[in-house]
């Protein structure tokens, strides 16, 4: 993720030509769910509820509209 390089900015903020502003990569990996590759029981229940709702909405629009 890119962020402002605070060290370079702090060293050059009093520069007559203006501070040097640059973006650096902080190297942090994106957030991820720590699993061993297997879905959890709560995840499976959540997917079942979500797919049921999606199927219900599609069926409603097909049959009622």
C-alpha atoms as a PDB file:
ATOM      1  CA  UNK A   1       0.000   0.000   0.000  1.00  0.00           C
ATOM      2  CA  UNK A   2       1.389   3.375  -0.917  1.00  0.00           C
ATOM      3  CA  UNK A   3       1.813   6.038   1.739  1.00  0.00           C
ATOM      4  CA  UNK A   4       3.591   9.361   2.154  1.00  0.00           C
ATOM      5  CA  UNK A   5       7.325   9.104   2.930  1.00  0.00           C
ATOM      6  CA  UNK A   6       7.325  11.059   6.203  1.00  0.00           C
ATOM      7  CA  UNK A   7      11.101  10.913   6.728  1.00  0.00           C
ATOM      8  CA  UNK A   8      11.938  12.585   3.415  1.00  0.00           C
ATOM      9  CA  UNK A   9       9.139  15.111   3.886  1.00  0.00           C
ATOM     10  CA  UNK A  10      10.341  16.002   7.410  1.00  0.00           C
ATOM     11  CA  UNK A  11      13.957  16.476   6.242  1.00  0.00           C
ATOM     12  CA  UNK A  12      12.972  18.744   3.338  1.00  0.00           C
ATOM     13  CA  UNK A  13       9.954  20.658   4.679  1.00  0.00           C
ATOM     14  CA  UNK A  14      12.011  23.834   5.240  1.00  0.00           C
ATOM     15  CA  UNK A  15      13.509  23.725   1.749  1.00  0.00           C
ATOM     16  CA  UNK A  16      13.169  27.030  -0.129  1.00  0.00           C
ATOM     17  CA  UNK A  17      11.838  25.226  -3.207  1.00  0.00           C
ATOM     18  CA  UNK A  18       9.296  23.320  -1.147  1.00  0.00           C
ATOM     19  CA  UNK A  19       9.310  19.900   0.445  1.00  0.00           C
ATOM     20  CA  UNK A  20       9.936  16.696  -1.462  1.00  0.00           C
ATOM     21  CA  UNK A  21       6.777  14.649  -1.434  1.00  0.00           C
ATOM     22  CA  UNK A  22       7.013  11.067  -2.575  1.00  0.00           C
ATOM     23  CA  UNK A  23       4.986   7.941  -2.063  1.00  0.00           C
ATOM     24  CA  UNK A  24       6.603   4.715  -0.835  1.00  0.00           C
ATOM     25  CA  UNK A  25       5.355   1.147  -0.564  1.00  0.00           C
ATOM     26  CA  UNK A  26       5.217   0.154   3.098  1.00  0.00           C
ATOM     27  CA  UNK A  27       5.314  -3.523   2.184  1.00  0.00           C
ATOM     28  CA  UNK A  28       2.362  -4.646   4.267  1.00  0.00           C
ATOM     29  CA  UNK A  29       0.427  -7.455   2.599  1.00  0.00           C
ATOM     30  CA  UNK A  30      -3.312  -6.988   2.119  1.00  0.00           C
ATOM     31  CA  UNK A  31      -5.634  -8.340   4.813  1.00  0.00           C
ATOM     32  CA  UNK A  32      -6.631 -11.962   4.340  1.00  0.00           C
ATOM     33  CA  UNK A  33      -8.620 -14.468   6.331  1.00  0.00           C
ATOM     34  CA  UNK A  34      -6.196 -16.893   7.989  1.00  0.00           C
ATOM     35  CA  UNK A  35      -7.497 -20.311   6.972  1.00  0.00           C
ATOM     36  CA  UNK A  36      -5.873 -23.570   6.002  1.00  0.00           C
ATOM     37  CA  UNK A  37      -7.819 -23.756   2.755  1.00  0.00           C
ATOM     38  CA  UNK A  38     -10.935 -25.300   4.262  1.00  0.00           C
ATOM     39  CA  UNK A  39     -14.102 -23.268   4.659  1.00  0.00           C
ATOM     40  CA  UNK A  40     -15.351 -22.709   8.198  1.00  0.00           C
ATOM     41  CA  UNK A  41     -18.808 -23.775   9.341  1.00  0.00           C
ATOM     42  CA  UNK A  42     -19.867 -20.133   9.766  1.00  0.00           C
ATOM     43  CA  UNK A  43     -18.611 -19.335   6.269  1.00  0.00           C
ATOM     44  CA  UNK A  44     -20.611 -22.200   4.800  1.00  0.00           C
ATOM     45  CA  UNK A  45     -23.743 -21.074   6.642  1.00  0.00           C
ATOM     46  CA  UNK A  46     -23.196 -17.503   5.448  1.00  0.00           C
ATOM     47  CA  UNK A  47     -22.804 -18.614   1.846  1.00  0.00           C
ATOM     48  CA  UNK A  48     -25.940 -20.754   2.115  1.00  0.00           C
ATOM     49  CA  UNK A  49     -27.954 -17.805   3.429  1.00  0.00           C
ATOM     50  CA  UNK A  50     -26.565 -15.451   0.788  1.00  0.00           C
ATOM     51  CA  UNK A  51     -27.251 -17.837  -2.085  1.00  0.00           C
ATOM     52  CA  UNK A  52     -30.762 -18.534  -0.746  1.00  0.00           C
ATOM     53  CA  UNK A  53     -31.526 -14.819  -0.610  1.00  0.00           C
ATOM     54  CA  UNK A  54     -30.116 -14.259  -4.099  1.00  0.00           C
ATOM     55  CA  UNK A  55     -32.122 -17.169  -5.492  1.00  0.00           C
ATOM     56  CA  UNK A  56     -35.262 -15.879  -3.756  1.00  0.00           C
ATOM     57  CA  UNK A  57     -34.863 -12.374  -5.187  1.00  0.00           C
ATOM     58  CA  UNK A  58     -34.294 -13.710  -8.703  1.00  0.00           C
ATOM     59  CA  UNK A  59     -37.284 -16.056  -8.394  1.00  0.00           C
ATOM     60  CA  UNK A  60     -39.429 -13.196  -7.101  1.00  0.00           C
ATOM     61  CA  UNK A  61     -38.551 -10.945 -10.039  1.00  0.00           C
ATOM     62  CA  UNK A  62     -39.115 -13.751 -12.539  1.00  0.00           C
ATOM     63  CA  UNK A  63     -42.442 -14.876 -11.105  1.00  0.00           C
ATOM     64  CA  UNK A  64     -43.931 -11.610  -9.793  1.00  0.00           C
ATOM     65  CA  UNK A  65     -42.839  -9.106 -12.392  1.00  0.00           C
END
